[in-house]
Structures are given as C-alpha cells and as structure tokens.
Protein backbone atom coordinates (compact mmCIF):
# COMPACT_ATOMS: atom_id res chain seq x y z
CA UNK A 1 35.85 -57.35 -3.78
CA UNK A 2 36.23 -55.59 -0.55
CA UNK A 3 33.40 -53.60 1.11
CA UNK A 4 35.57 -50.45 1.09
CA UNK A 5 36.14 -50.79 -2.68
CA UNK A 6 32.40 -51.19 -3.25
CA UNK A 7 31.61 -48.10 -1.14
CA UNK A 8 34.18 -46.01 -3.03
CA UNK A 9 32.73 -47.19 -6.32
CA UNK A 10 29.21 -46.14 -5.18
CA UNK A 11 30.51 -42.76 -4.01
CA UNK A 12 32.23 -42.21 -7.36
CA UNK A 13 29.04 -43.13 -9.23
CA UNK A 14 27.03 -40.78 -7.01
CA UNK A 15 29.44 -37.89 -7.55
CA UNK A 16 29.59 -38.45 -11.32
CA UNK A 17 25.82 -38.58 -11.62
CA UNK A 18 25.45 -35.33 -9.62
CA UNK A 19 28.07 -33.54 -11.73
CA UNK A 20 26.39 -34.72 -14.94
CA UNK A 21 22.94 -33.60 -13.73
CA UNK A 22 24.27 -30.24 -12.55
CA UNK A 23 26.08 -29.63 -15.84
CA UNK A 24 22.93 -30.43 -17.82
CA UNK A 25 20.92 -27.98 -15.74
CA UNK A 26 23.45 -25.15 -15.71
CA UNK A 27 24.76 -25.29 -19.29
CA UNK A 28 22.27 -23.42 -21.44
CA UNK A 29 21.08 -25.03 -24.57
CA UNK A 30 19.51 -23.47 -27.62
CA UNK A 31 16.08 -22.13 -26.80
CA UNK A 32 13.81 -22.17 -29.79
CA UNK A 33 11.44 -19.58 -28.39
CA UNK A 34 10.05 -16.48 -30.00
CA UNK A 35 8.06 -13.79 -28.28
CA UNK A 36 6.10 -11.95 -30.90
CA UNK A 37 5.17 -8.29 -30.68
CA UNK A 38 1.63 -8.98 -29.52
CA UNK A 39 2.65 -11.29 -26.70
CA UNK A 40 5.57 -9.03 -25.79
CA UNK A 41 3.40 -5.92 -25.54
CA UNK A 42 0.83 -7.81 -23.53
CA UNK A 43 3.53 -8.99 -21.14
CA UNK A 44 4.96 -5.46 -20.81
CA UNK A 45 1.50 -4.01 -20.19
CA UNK A 46 0.82 -6.56 -17.47
CA UNK A 47 4.22 -5.92 -15.94
CA UNK A 48 3.65 -2.14 -15.88
CA UNK A 49 0.22 -2.66 -14.36
CA UNK A 50 1.67 -4.86 -11.64
CA UNK A 51 4.49 -2.40 -10.89
CA UNK A 52 2.10 0.56 -10.73
CA UNK A 53 -0.31 -1.35 -8.50
CA UNK A 54 2.50 -2.11 -6.06
CA UNK A 55 3.65 1.53 -6.13
CA UNK A 56 0.12 2.79 -5.47
CA UNK A 57 -0.28 0.39 -2.57
CA UNK A 58 3.02 1.46 -1.01
CA UNK A 59 2.24 5.15 -1.62
CA UNK A 60 -1.22 4.73 -0.11
CA UNK A 61 0.13 2.99 2.96
CA UNK A 62 2.70 5.73 3.47
CA UNK A 63 0.35 8.68 2.84
CA UNK A 64 -2.83 7.41 4.50
CA UNK A 65 -1.73 7.93 8.13
CA UNK A 66 -0.68 11.52 7.39
CA UNK A 67 -3.94 12.19 5.57
CA UNK A 68 -5.99 10.86 8.49
CA UNK A 69 -3.96 12.95 10.94
CA UNK A 70 -4.44 16.10 8.81
CA UNK A 71 -8.20 15.53 8.59
CA UNK A 72 -8.46 15.04 12.37
CA UNK A 73 -6.50 18.24 12.98
CA UNK A 74 -8.78 20.14 10.58
CA UNK A 75 -11.87 18.71 12.30
CA UNK A 76 -10.57 19.65 15.75
CA UNK A 77 -9.79 23.17 14.51
CA UNK A 78 -13.25 23.56 12.97
CA UNK A 79 -14.87 22.19 16.14
CA UNK A 80 -12.94 24.65 18.28
CA UNK A 81 -13.86 27.56 16.01
CA UNK A 82 -17.42 26.28 15.75
CA UNK A 83 -17.71 26.22 19.52
CA UNK A 84 -16.65 29.88 19.69
CA UNK A 85 -19.08 30.82 16.94
CA UNK A 86 -21.91 28.95 18.64
CA UNK A 87 -21.21 30.77 21.89
CA UNK A 88 -21.24 34.11 20.05
CA UNK A 89 -24.51 33.27 18.29
CA UNK A 90 -26.06 32.16 21.58
CA UNK A 91 -24.98 35.42 23.21
CA UNK A 92 -26.46 37.45 20.33
CA UNK A 93 -29.73 35.54 20.52
CA UNK A 94 -29.85 36.08 24.29
CA UNK A 95 -29.26 39.84 23.97
CA UNK A 96 -31.84 40.10 21.19
CA UNK A 97 -34.41 38.23 23.25
CA UNK A 98 -33.65 40.45 26.27
CA UNK A 99 -34.05 43.56 24.12
CA UNK A 100 -37.31 42.22 22.75
CA UNK A 101 -38.55 41.47 26.25
CA UNK A 102 -37.51 44.96 27.39
CA UNK A 103 -39.23 46.64 24.44
CA UNK A 104 -42.36 44.53 24.97
CA UNK A 105 -42.48 45.41 28.67
CA UNK A 106 -41.87 49.12 27.87
CA UNK A 107 -44.76 49.11 25.40
CA UNK A 108 -47.21 47.91 28.02
C-alpha cells in the first residue's frame, strides 16, 4: 500500500464518522417524555416570574434617572420658594420687633 492510499482511507473514515455522528445528533428520535399539568404550570409560573423580573429591572433602569431628575427639580423649586418665604418671615419678624421696640420706648 502506498502512503497516499492510506491517507485517503483515513480521510474517508474521518468524514464518514463525522457524517454518522452529525446525523445521529440532528435526526430527532422518539422522545418518551411527558410534562404533566403540575410540572407544566410550575414551569410556566417560573417563566412568567423570570420575564416579569427582567421587565421590572429594565423599566426601573429606564425610569430611575428621570425620577431622580424630577425629585431634584422639585427640591430646587421648594428651596427657591422656601428662601423667599424665609426672607419674608424674617422681614415680618424684624418689623414686628421694631414696632414692639417703638411701642415700648413710647410707653416710657
């Protein structure tokens, strides 16, 4: 036998074994499997839970930045209004204390 003939024979064996293995993997056989109603409902419940968890995570990641921005804007608005109100209250307290001082000095 020649070395070339031996190599061709090995290549042919290799190809045939790969085709046989691939055909065994890809050709479906009879599956003697039964998913009962209890196991099926459990699987569906777990699947729905997983899908909803993923949706909540995605929704939370998309909404959270906008929620934080809205809260900061509200806080800045309240702080700005609060600063005005505090200035008004301080002015009222100052005028009341001046009036009290004036009335006290007039009484003496």
